[in-house]
């Protein structure tokens, strides 16, 4: 008895989906390992998917990068647990900085690639802007009591003090360990809140 056309189609769809996942996981793994912008050849070797197949699955490298960044966003969403919105200021500072340290350490390799590609990619710029708005809103929510309802200078300063770019500066520019970078970020946030 022959295989039905539907079964063949289902098998091809499943294989295509598995190959797409393998390629996306490969580029993310290579980024984490320190490859600033993995080549199609490196991705092919790591994923076990031929280069010809990669470009049947994705129109071009930009499409592959977009898929990797979208997948990374899904991974990060699972790490974003609710933060306290009341209680002692010091406890809220500690919770926010602990969360940022965990998330920023996880996203940094992919975020670096996204920042490099953003000038030429509207979807990537949009994703970076969406992430920025999420983190800014999170700061405004955690420190609502201190910031108030207006989006003034204090919120702007807290947003800058707790953003990924600041984390990257502490980790890469100043070569601080994650623990020391978190301490510096917490100190800056505490000082801003104390000076309000």
N, C-alpha and C. Protein backbone atom coordinates (compact mmCIF):
# COMPACT_ATOMS: atom_id res chain seq x y z
N UNK A 1 0.84 -1.18 0.00
CA UNK A 1 0.00 0.00 0.00
C UNK A 1 0.89 1.24 0.00
N UNK A 2 0.63 2.18 -0.89
CA UNK A 2 1.48 3.35 -1.04
C UNK A 2 1.29 4.37 0.06
N UNK A 3 2.27 5.23 0.20
CA UNK A 3 2.20 6.30 1.18
C UNK A 3 1.30 7.40 0.64
N UNK A 4 0.41 7.91 1.48
CA UNK A 4 -0.50 8.95 1.02
C UNK A 4 0.26 10.26 0.80
N UNK A 5 -0.31 11.10 -0.07
CA UNK A 5 0.31 12.40 -0.36
C UNK A 5 0.36 13.25 0.91
N UNK A 6 -0.67 13.12 1.75
CA UNK A 6 -0.73 13.91 2.99
C UNK A 6 0.42 13.51 3.92
N UNK A 7 0.70 12.21 4.00
CA UNK A 7 1.78 11.73 4.87
C UNK A 7 3.13 12.22 4.37
N UNK A 8 3.31 12.22 3.05
CA UNK A 8 4.56 12.72 2.48
C UNK A 8 4.73 14.20 2.78
N UNK A 9 3.63 14.96 2.60
CA UNK A 9 3.66 16.40 2.88
C UNK A 9 3.95 16.66 4.34
N UNK A 10 3.30 15.89 5.23
CA UNK A 10 3.54 16.04 6.67
C UNK A 10 5.00 15.75 7.01
N UNK A 11 5.56 14.71 6.39
CA UNK A 11 6.96 14.36 6.64
C UNK A 11 7.90 15.46 6.19
N UNK A 12 7.61 16.04 5.03
CA UNK A 12 8.46 17.13 4.52
C UNK A 12 8.35 18.37 5.43
N UNK A 13 7.14 18.65 5.85
CA UNK A 13 6.92 19.82 6.74
C UNK A 13 7.67 19.64 8.05
N UNK A 14 7.58 18.42 8.59
CA UNK A 14 8.27 18.14 9.85
C UNK A 14 9.79 18.23 9.68
N UNK A 15 10.31 17.68 8.58
CA UNK A 15 11.75 17.74 8.32
C UNK A 15 12.19 19.19 8.12
N UNK A 16 11.39 19.97 7.40
CA UNK A 16 11.72 21.39 7.18
C UNK A 16 11.77 22.12 8.53
N UNK A 17 10.77 21.88 9.37
CA UNK A 17 10.71 22.53 10.68
C UNK A 17 11.91 22.13 11.55
N UNK A 18 12.26 20.83 11.54
CA UNK A 18 13.42 20.35 12.31
C UNK A 18 14.71 21.01 11.82
N UNK A 19 14.86 21.11 10.50
CA UNK A 19 16.06 21.72 9.92
C UNK A 19 16.13 23.21 10.26
N UNK A 20 14.99 23.90 10.19
CA UNK A 20 14.98 25.32 10.56
C UNK A 20 15.41 25.49 12.02
N UNK A 21 14.86 24.66 12.90
CA UNK A 21 15.22 24.73 14.32
C UNK A 21 16.71 24.45 14.52
N UNK A 22 17.23 23.45 13.79
CA UNK A 22 18.65 23.10 13.93
C UNK A 22 19.54 24.26 13.49
N UNK A 23 19.16 24.93 12.41
CA UNK A 23 19.95 26.06 11.90
C UNK A 23 19.91 27.22 12.89
N UNK A 24 18.73 27.53 13.42
CA UNK A 24 18.59 28.63 14.38
C UNK A 24 19.37 28.32 15.66
N UNK A 25 19.25 27.10 16.15
CA UNK A 25 20.01 26.72 17.36
C UNK A 25 21.51 26.80 17.10
N UNK A 26 21.93 26.43 15.89
CA UNK A 26 23.36 26.48 15.55
C UNK A 26 23.89 27.90 15.60
N UNK A 27 23.16 28.85 15.00
CA UNK A 27 23.66 30.23 15.01
C UNK A 27 23.69 30.78 16.43
N UNK A 28 22.68 30.45 17.24
CA UNK A 28 22.66 30.93 18.62
C UNK A 28 23.82 30.34 19.42
N UNK A 29 24.08 29.05 19.22
CA UNK A 29 25.21 28.41 19.92
C UNK A 29 26.54 29.03 19.51
N UNK A 30 26.70 29.30 18.23
CA UNK A 30 27.94 29.90 17.74
C UNK A 30 28.14 31.31 18.31
N UNK A 31 27.05 32.06 18.40
CA UNK A 31 27.14 33.40 18.99
C UNK A 31 27.57 33.33 20.46
N UNK A 32 26.96 32.40 21.20
CA UNK A 32 27.29 32.24 22.61
C UNK A 32 28.76 31.85 22.78
N UNK A 33 29.27 31.07 21.84
CA UNK A 33 30.68 30.63 21.91
C UNK A 33 31.66 31.72 21.51
N UNK A 34 31.16 32.86 21.05
CA UNK A 34 32.05 33.97 20.76
C UNK A 34 32.26 34.29 19.30
N UNK A 35 31.55 33.62 18.40
CA UNK A 35 31.63 33.95 16.98
C UNK A 35 30.75 35.17 16.74
N UNK A 36 31.36 36.31 16.47
CA UNK A 36 30.62 37.58 16.41
C UNK A 36 29.54 37.58 15.34
N UNK A 37 29.81 36.98 14.19
CA UNK A 37 28.83 36.91 13.11
C UNK A 37 29.07 35.61 12.35
N UNK A 38 28.46 34.52 12.82
CA UNK A 38 28.71 33.21 12.19
C UNK A 38 28.43 33.20 10.70
N UNK A 39 29.28 32.50 9.96
CA UNK A 39 29.11 32.38 8.51
C UNK A 39 28.15 31.24 8.19
N UNK A 40 27.65 31.25 6.97
CA UNK A 40 26.75 30.18 6.53
C UNK A 40 27.48 28.82 6.62
N UNK A 41 28.76 28.82 6.30
CA UNK A 41 29.55 27.58 6.37
C UNK A 41 29.61 27.06 7.80
N UNK A 42 29.89 27.94 8.76
CA UNK A 42 29.94 27.53 10.18
C UNK A 42 28.57 27.01 10.64
N UNK A 43 27.52 27.70 10.24
CA UNK A 43 26.17 27.29 10.64
C UNK A 43 25.82 25.93 10.04
N UNK A 44 26.22 25.73 8.79
CA UNK A 44 25.97 24.45 8.12
C UNK A 44 26.69 23.32 8.84
N UNK A 45 27.97 23.54 9.15
CA UNK A 45 28.75 22.50 9.86
C UNK A 45 28.14 22.18 11.21
N UNK A 46 27.75 23.21 11.95
CA UNK A 46 27.22 22.99 13.30
C UNK A 46 25.84 22.32 13.27
N UNK A 47 24.99 22.72 12.33
CA UNK A 47 23.61 22.22 12.31
C UNK A 47 23.47 20.89 11.60
N UNK A 48 24.43 20.57 10.72
CA UNK A 48 24.29 19.36 9.91
C UNK A 48 23.35 19.56 8.73
N UNK A 49 22.99 20.81 8.45
CA UNK A 49 22.12 21.14 7.32
C UNK A 49 22.99 21.76 6.24
N UNK A 50 22.87 21.27 5.02
CA UNK A 50 23.72 21.77 3.94
C UNK A 50 23.47 23.25 3.69
N UNK A 51 24.48 23.93 3.15
CA UNK A 51 24.32 25.36 2.86
C UNK A 51 23.21 25.58 1.85
N UNK A 52 23.09 24.69 0.89
CA UNK A 52 22.02 24.83 -0.10
C UNK A 52 20.66 24.74 0.58
N UNK A 53 20.53 23.81 1.51
CA UNK A 53 19.26 23.67 2.24
C UNK A 53 18.98 24.87 3.13
N UNK A 54 20.05 25.42 3.73
CA UNK A 54 19.87 26.61 4.58
C UNK A 54 19.21 27.72 3.78
N UNK A 55 19.66 27.92 2.55
CA UNK A 55 19.12 29.02 1.76
C UNK A 55 17.83 28.64 1.02
N UNK A 56 17.39 27.40 1.18
CA UNK A 56 16.02 27.06 0.80
C UNK A 56 15.08 27.33 1.99
N UNK A 57 15.62 27.18 3.20
CA UNK A 57 14.83 27.41 4.40
C UNK A 57 14.69 28.90 4.71
N UNK A 58 15.73 29.67 4.42
CA UNK A 58 15.76 31.11 4.71
C UNK A 58 16.16 31.85 3.44
N UNK A 59 15.50 32.95 3.14
CA UNK A 59 15.77 33.67 1.90
C UNK A 59 17.21 34.16 1.82
N UNK A 60 17.74 34.61 2.96
CA UNK A 60 19.10 35.13 2.99
C UNK A 60 19.57 35.14 4.44
N UNK A 61 20.79 35.64 4.65
CA UNK A 61 21.34 35.65 6.01
C UNK A 61 20.53 36.57 6.93
N UNK A 62 20.00 37.65 6.38
CA UNK A 62 19.19 38.55 7.22
C UNK A 62 17.95 37.83 7.76
N UNK A 63 17.32 37.03 6.89
CA UNK A 63 16.15 36.26 7.33
C UNK A 63 16.53 35.27 8.43
N UNK A 64 17.70 34.66 8.29
CA UNK A 64 18.19 33.73 9.31
C UNK A 64 18.46 34.49 10.61
N UNK A 65 19.09 35.64 10.52
CA UNK A 65 19.36 36.44 11.71
C UNK A 65 18.06 36.85 12.40
N UNK A 66 17.07 37.25 11.61
CA UNK A 66 15.78 37.63 12.20
C UNK A 66 15.15 36.45 12.94
N UNK A 67 15.24 35.27 12.34
CA UNK A 67 14.67 34.07 12.98
C UNK A 67 15.40 33.76 14.28
N UNK A 68 16.72 33.92 14.29
CA UNK A 68 17.50 33.65 15.50
C UNK A 68 17.15 34.65 16.60
N UNK A 69 17.00 35.92 16.24
CA UNK A 69 16.66 36.95 17.23
C UNK A 69 15.25 36.72 17.77
N UNK A 70 14.32 36.32 16.91
CA UNK A 70 12.95 36.02 17.36
C UNK A 70 12.96 34.84 18.32
N UNK A 71 13.76 33.82 18.00
CA UNK A 71 13.84 32.64 18.88
C UNK A 71 14.45 33.02 20.22
N UNK A 72 15.47 33.87 20.18
CA UNK A 72 16.10 34.33 21.41
C UNK A 72 15.10 35.11 22.25
N UNK A 73 14.25 35.90 21.63
CA UNK A 73 13.24 36.67 22.36
C UNK A 73 12.28 35.73 23.09
N UNK A 74 11.93 34.62 22.45
CA UNK A 74 11.05 33.64 23.10
C UNK A 74 11.74 33.03 24.32
N UNK A 75 13.03 32.71 24.17
CA UNK A 75 13.79 32.15 25.30
C UNK A 75 13.82 33.13 26.47
N UNK A 76 14.08 34.40 26.15
CA UNK A 76 14.22 35.42 27.19
C UNK A 76 12.88 35.67 27.89
N UNK A 77 11.78 35.60 27.15
CA UNK A 77 10.46 35.85 27.73
C UNK A 77 10.22 34.93 28.93
N UNK A 78 10.73 33.72 28.85
CA UNK A 78 10.55 32.76 29.96
C UNK A 78 11.33 33.17 31.20
N UNK A 79 12.35 34.00 31.03
CA UNK A 79 13.18 34.43 32.16
C UNK A 79 12.60 35.66 32.86
N UNK A 80 11.65 36.32 32.21
CA UNK A 80 11.15 37.60 32.72
C UNK A 80 10.01 37.38 33.72
N UNK A 81 10.38 37.10 34.95
CA UNK A 81 9.39 36.89 36.00
C UNK A 81 8.97 38.24 36.57
N UNK A 82 7.76 38.34 37.13
CA UNK A 82 7.31 39.60 37.71
C UNK A 82 8.22 40.06 38.85
N UNK A 83 8.44 41.35 38.92
CA UNK A 83 9.28 41.93 39.96
C UNK A 83 8.41 42.67 40.98
N UNK A 84 8.90 42.81 42.22
CA UNK A 84 8.09 43.47 43.26
C UNK A 84 7.84 44.94 42.92
N UNK A 85 6.63 45.37 43.17
CA UNK A 85 6.25 46.77 42.92
C UNK A 85 6.04 47.54 44.21
N UNK A 86 6.24 46.88 45.34
CA UNK A 86 6.11 47.54 46.64
C UNK A 86 7.12 46.91 47.58
N UNK A 87 7.20 47.47 48.78
CA UNK A 87 8.18 46.98 49.74
C UNK A 87 9.38 47.90 49.79
N UNK A 88 10.38 47.55 50.61
CA UNK A 88 11.56 48.41 50.75
C UNK A 88 12.26 48.66 49.42
N UNK A 89 12.70 49.89 49.24
CA UNK A 89 13.39 50.27 48.00
C UNK A 89 14.59 49.37 47.74
N UNK A 90 15.36 49.10 48.78
CA UNK A 90 16.57 48.28 48.60
C UNK A 90 16.23 46.89 48.06
N UNK A 91 15.12 46.32 48.51
CA UNK A 91 14.72 45.00 48.03
C UNK A 91 14.32 45.05 46.56
N UNK A 92 13.66 46.12 46.16
CA UNK A 92 13.25 46.26 44.77
C UNK A 92 14.46 46.50 43.86
N UNK A 93 15.42 47.29 44.36
CA UNK A 93 16.66 47.50 43.60
C UNK A 93 17.37 46.16 43.40
N UNK A 94 17.48 45.40 44.46
CA UNK A 94 18.16 44.10 44.38
C UNK A 94 17.46 43.17 43.39
N UNK A 95 16.13 43.11 43.44
CA UNK A 95 15.37 42.23 42.55
C UNK A 95 15.53 42.64 41.09
N UNK A 96 15.45 43.94 40.84
CA UNK A 96 15.58 44.42 39.47
C UNK A 96 16.97 44.13 38.91
N UNK A 97 17.99 44.46 39.69
CA UNK A 97 19.37 44.27 39.21
C UNK A 97 19.68 42.79 39.03
N UNK A 98 19.20 41.94 39.93
CA UNK A 98 19.42 40.50 39.79
C UNK A 98 18.78 39.99 38.49
N UNK A 99 17.57 40.46 38.21
CA UNK A 99 16.88 40.06 36.99
C UNK A 99 17.62 40.55 35.75
N UNK A 100 18.04 41.82 35.76
CA UNK A 100 18.75 42.37 34.61
C UNK A 100 20.06 41.62 34.37
N UNK A 101 20.79 41.33 35.44
CA UNK A 101 22.06 40.62 35.29
C UNK A 101 21.84 39.27 34.62
N UNK A 102 20.83 38.54 35.06
CA UNK A 102 20.55 37.21 34.49
C UNK A 102 20.15 37.33 33.02
N UNK A 103 19.23 38.24 32.74
CA UNK A 103 18.75 38.39 31.37
C UNK A 103 19.85 38.92 30.45
N UNK A 104 20.55 39.95 30.89
CA UNK A 104 21.58 40.56 30.03
C UNK A 104 22.72 39.60 29.75
N UNK A 105 23.10 38.80 30.73
CA UNK A 105 24.14 37.79 30.48
C UNK A 105 23.68 36.80 29.42
N UNK A 106 22.39 36.46 29.46
CA UNK A 106 21.86 35.49 28.50
C UNK A 106 21.74 36.08 27.09
N UNK A 107 21.37 37.35 26.98
CA UNK A 107 21.09 37.91 25.66
C UNK A 107 22.29 38.55 24.98
N UNK A 108 23.34 38.82 25.71
CA UNK A 108 24.43 39.64 25.16
C UNK A 108 24.97 39.16 23.81
N UNK A 109 25.30 37.89 23.60
CA UNK A 109 25.85 37.51 22.29
C UNK A 109 24.91 37.83 21.13
N UNK A 110 23.62 37.55 21.31
CA UNK A 110 22.65 37.81 20.25
C UNK A 110 22.36 39.30 20.14
N UNK A 111 22.34 39.99 21.28
CA UNK A 111 22.08 41.43 21.27
C UNK A 111 23.19 42.17 20.51
N UNK A 112 24.43 41.74 20.67
CA UNK A 112 25.53 42.38 19.93
C UNK A 112 25.31 42.26 18.43
N UNK A 113 24.90 41.07 17.99
CA UNK A 113 24.62 40.87 16.57
C UNK A 113 23.46 41.76 16.13
N UNK A 114 22.40 41.82 16.93
CA UNK A 114 21.23 42.63 16.59
C UNK A 114 21.60 44.10 16.45
N UNK A 115 22.43 44.60 17.35
CA UNK A 115 22.85 46.01 17.30
C UNK A 115 23.64 46.28 16.01
N UNK A 116 24.50 45.33 15.62
CA UNK A 116 25.27 45.51 14.38
C UNK A 116 24.38 45.51 13.15
N UNK A 117 23.32 44.68 13.16
CA UNK A 117 22.47 44.52 11.98
C UNK A 117 21.32 45.53 11.92
N UNK A 118 20.99 46.15 13.04
CA UNK A 118 19.81 47.03 13.12
C UNK A 118 19.78 48.15 12.08
N UNK A 119 20.91 48.82 11.78
CA UNK A 119 20.83 49.92 10.81
C UNK A 119 20.30 49.49 9.44
N UNK A 120 20.50 48.22 9.08
CA UNK A 120 20.04 47.75 7.76
C UNK A 120 18.76 46.92 7.83
N UNK A 121 18.18 46.76 9.03
CA UNK A 121 17.02 45.86 9.16
C UNK A 121 15.92 46.49 10.00
N UNK A 122 14.82 46.83 9.35
CA UNK A 122 13.68 47.41 10.07
C UNK A 122 13.11 46.43 11.10
N UNK A 123 12.94 45.14 10.79
CA UNK A 123 12.41 44.22 11.80
C UNK A 123 13.29 44.12 13.04
N UNK A 124 14.60 44.14 12.85
CA UNK A 124 15.51 44.05 14.00
C UNK A 124 15.46 45.34 14.81
N UNK A 125 15.42 46.49 14.13
CA UNK A 125 15.27 47.77 14.85
C UNK A 125 13.98 47.78 15.65
N UNK A 126 12.93 47.26 15.06
CA UNK A 126 11.63 47.21 15.75
C UNK A 126 11.71 46.33 16.99
N UNK A 127 12.37 45.19 16.88
CA UNK A 127 12.52 44.28 18.02
C UNK A 127 13.35 44.92 19.14
N UNK A 128 14.42 45.61 18.77
CA UNK A 128 15.24 46.29 19.78
C UNK A 128 14.44 47.40 20.47
N UNK A 129 13.65 48.13 19.71
CA UNK A 129 12.82 49.20 20.30
C UNK A 129 11.78 48.60 21.24
N UNK A 130 11.19 47.47 20.85
CA UNK A 130 10.19 46.80 21.69
C UNK A 130 10.83 46.35 23.01
N UNK A 131 12.04 45.80 22.93
CA UNK A 131 12.73 45.37 24.16
C UNK A 131 13.04 46.57 25.05
N UNK A 132 13.48 47.67 24.43
CA UNK A 132 13.79 48.87 25.21
C UNK A 132 12.55 49.37 25.94
N UNK A 133 11.42 49.39 25.25
CA UNK A 133 10.19 49.87 25.88
C UNK A 133 9.77 48.96 27.03
N UNK A 134 9.95 47.64 26.85
CA UNK A 134 9.62 46.71 27.93
C UNK A 134 10.46 47.00 29.17
N UNK A 135 11.78 47.13 29.00
CA UNK A 135 12.65 47.35 30.15
C UNK A 135 12.41 48.71 30.80
N UNK A 136 12.12 49.72 30.00
CA UNK A 136 11.82 51.05 30.57
C UNK A 136 10.52 50.98 31.38
N UNK A 137 9.52 50.34 30.83
CA UNK A 137 8.25 50.21 31.55
C UNK A 137 8.45 49.42 32.85
N UNK A 138 9.29 48.40 32.81
CA UNK A 138 9.56 47.60 34.00
C UNK A 138 10.16 48.47 35.10
N UNK A 139 11.11 49.33 34.75
CA UNK A 139 11.72 50.24 35.74
C UNK A 139 10.66 51.19 36.30
N UNK A 140 9.84 51.74 35.41
CA UNK A 140 8.79 52.67 35.85
C UNK A 140 7.82 51.99 36.80
N UNK A 141 7.54 50.71 36.57
CA UNK A 141 6.61 49.97 37.41
C UNK A 141 7.22 49.62 38.76
N UNK A 142 8.45 49.12 38.75
CA UNK A 142 9.12 48.71 39.99
C UNK A 142 9.34 49.92 40.91
N UNK A 143 9.63 51.08 40.32
CA UNK A 143 9.92 52.27 41.12
C UNK A 143 8.83 53.34 40.96
N UNK A 144 7.60 52.89 40.78
CA UNK A 144 6.47 53.82 40.60
C UNK A 144 6.37 54.82 41.76
N UNK A 145 6.56 54.32 42.97
CA UNK A 145 6.46 55.18 44.15
C UNK A 145 7.49 56.31 44.09
N UNK A 146 8.70 55.99 43.66
CA UNK A 146 9.77 56.98 43.62
C UNK A 146 9.68 57.88 42.39
N UNK A 147 9.32 57.29 41.25
CA UNK A 147 9.29 58.02 39.98
C UNK A 147 8.02 58.85 39.85
N UNK A 148 6.92 58.35 40.39
CA UNK A 148 5.64 59.01 40.18
C UNK A 148 5.07 58.63 38.83
N UNK A 149 4.06 59.31 38.43
CA UNK A 149 3.39 58.94 37.17
C UNK A 149 3.98 59.64 35.96
N UNK A 150 4.82 60.63 36.14
CA UNK A 150 5.38 61.34 35.00
C UNK A 150 6.65 60.65 34.50
N UNK A 151 6.92 60.80 33.24
CA UNK A 151 8.15 60.24 32.66
C UNK A 151 9.21 61.33 32.67
N UNK A 152 9.73 61.62 33.84
CA UNK A 152 10.68 62.72 33.98
C UNK A 152 12.12 62.27 33.96
N UNK A 153 12.98 63.16 34.45
CA UNK A 153 14.42 62.93 34.40
C UNK A 153 14.85 61.72 35.23
N UNK A 154 14.17 61.48 36.36
CA UNK A 154 14.56 60.33 37.18
C UNK A 154 14.34 59.02 36.43
N UNK A 155 13.21 58.90 35.76
CA UNK A 155 12.96 57.68 34.98
C UNK A 155 13.98 57.55 33.85
N UNK A 156 14.28 58.66 33.20
CA UNK A 156 15.30 58.62 32.13
C UNK A 156 16.63 58.12 32.67
N UNK A 157 17.03 58.63 33.84
CA UNK A 157 18.31 58.24 34.44
C UNK A 157 18.30 56.78 34.86
N UNK A 158 17.20 56.32 35.47
CA UNK A 158 17.09 54.91 35.87
C UNK A 158 17.10 53.99 34.66
N UNK A 159 16.44 54.42 33.59
CA UNK A 159 16.40 53.64 32.36
C UNK A 159 17.82 53.44 31.82
N UNK A 160 18.60 54.52 31.77
CA UNK A 160 19.98 54.44 31.28
C UNK A 160 20.84 53.58 32.21
N UNK A 161 20.65 53.77 33.52
CA UNK A 161 21.48 53.03 34.50
C UNK A 161 21.26 51.54 34.45
N UNK A 162 20.07 51.11 33.99
CA UNK A 162 19.72 49.68 34.02
C UNK A 162 19.56 49.06 32.63
N UNK A 163 20.00 49.76 31.59
CA UNK A 163 19.81 49.23 30.23
C UNK A 163 20.95 48.28 29.84
N UNK A 164 20.75 47.56 28.75
CA UNK A 164 21.76 46.60 28.28
C UNK A 164 23.06 47.31 27.92
N UNK A 165 22.96 48.49 27.31
CA UNK A 165 24.17 49.20 26.90
C UNK A 165 25.06 49.50 28.10
N UNK A 166 24.46 49.84 29.23
CA UNK A 166 25.23 50.09 30.45
C UNK A 166 25.86 48.79 30.94
N UNK A 167 25.08 47.71 30.91
CA UNK A 167 25.62 46.40 31.31
C UNK A 167 26.81 46.02 30.43
N UNK A 168 26.67 46.24 29.14
CA UNK A 168 27.76 45.92 28.20
C UNK A 168 29.00 46.76 28.52
N UNK A 169 28.80 48.02 28.84
CA UNK A 169 29.94 48.88 29.20
C UNK A 169 30.63 48.37 30.46
N UNK A 170 29.84 47.98 31.46
CA UNK A 170 30.43 47.48 32.71
C UNK A 170 31.18 46.16 32.48
N UNK A 171 30.57 45.28 31.68
CA UNK A 171 31.16 43.95 31.47
C UNK A 171 32.34 43.97 30.50
N UNK A 172 32.20 44.74 29.41
CA UNK A 172 33.23 44.72 28.37
C UNK A 172 34.19 45.90 28.49
N UNK A 173 33.65 47.10 28.58
CA UNK A 173 34.51 48.28 28.66
C UNK A 173 35.32 48.33 29.94
N UNK A 174 34.67 48.03 31.06
CA UNK A 174 35.36 48.07 32.35
C UNK A 174 35.83 46.70 32.82
N UNK A 175 35.46 45.67 32.07
CA UNK A 175 35.91 44.29 32.31
C UNK A 175 35.55 43.81 33.72
N UNK A 176 34.34 44.15 34.17
CA UNK A 176 33.88 43.69 35.47
C UNK A 176 33.25 42.32 35.36
N UNK A 177 33.33 41.53 36.41
CA UNK A 177 32.63 40.25 36.47
C UNK A 177 31.13 40.54 36.56
N UNK A 178 30.28 39.55 36.28
CA UNK A 178 28.84 39.77 36.44
C UNK A 178 28.47 40.26 37.84
N UNK A 179 29.13 39.71 38.87
CA UNK A 179 28.83 40.12 40.25
C UNK A 179 29.20 41.58 40.47
N UNK A 180 30.39 41.99 40.03
CA UNK A 180 30.84 43.37 40.20
C UNK A 180 30.00 44.33 39.35
N UNK A 181 29.63 43.90 38.16
CA UNK A 181 28.78 44.75 37.31
C UNK A 181 27.43 44.97 37.97
N UNK A 182 26.87 43.91 38.56
CA UNK A 182 25.59 44.04 39.26
C UNK A 182 25.71 44.97 40.46
N UNK A 183 26.81 44.88 41.16
CA UNK A 183 27.03 45.77 42.31
C UNK A 183 27.09 47.23 41.86
N UNK A 184 27.79 47.49 40.75
CA UNK A 184 27.89 48.85 40.23
C UNK A 184 26.54 49.37 39.78
N UNK A 185 25.76 48.52 39.11
CA UNK A 185 24.44 48.92 38.66
C UNK A 185 23.53 49.21 39.86
N UNK A 186 23.56 48.35 40.86
CA UNK A 186 22.73 48.55 42.05
C UNK A 186 23.11 49.84 42.77
N UNK A 187 24.41 50.11 42.87
CA UNK A 187 24.87 51.33 43.53
C UNK A 187 24.37 52.57 42.78
N UNK A 188 24.45 52.54 41.46
CA UNK A 188 23.98 53.67 40.66
C UNK A 188 22.48 53.89 40.83
N UNK A 189 21.71 52.81 40.78
CA UNK A 189 20.25 52.93 40.94
C UNK A 189 19.92 53.46 42.33
N UNK A 190 20.56 52.92 43.35
CA UNK A 190 20.30 53.36 44.73
C UNK A 190 20.62 54.84 44.89
N UNK A 191 21.74 55.28 44.30
CA UNK A 191 22.15 56.69 44.41
C UNK A 191 21.15 57.61 43.70
N UNK A 192 20.67 57.18 42.54
CA UNK A 192 19.67 57.98 41.83
C UNK A 192 18.38 58.10 42.63
N UNK A 193 17.95 57.00 43.22
CA UNK A 193 16.71 57.03 43.99
C UNK A 193 16.88 57.85 45.26
N UNK A 194 18.04 57.80 45.86
CA UNK A 194 18.29 58.56 47.11
C UNK A 194 18.36 60.06 46.83
N UNK A 195 18.75 60.42 45.60
CA UNK A 195 18.93 61.83 45.27
C UNK A 195 17.65 62.50 44.78
N UNK A 196 16.58 61.75 44.64
CA UNK A 196 15.36 62.32 44.04
C UNK A 196 14.75 63.43 44.88
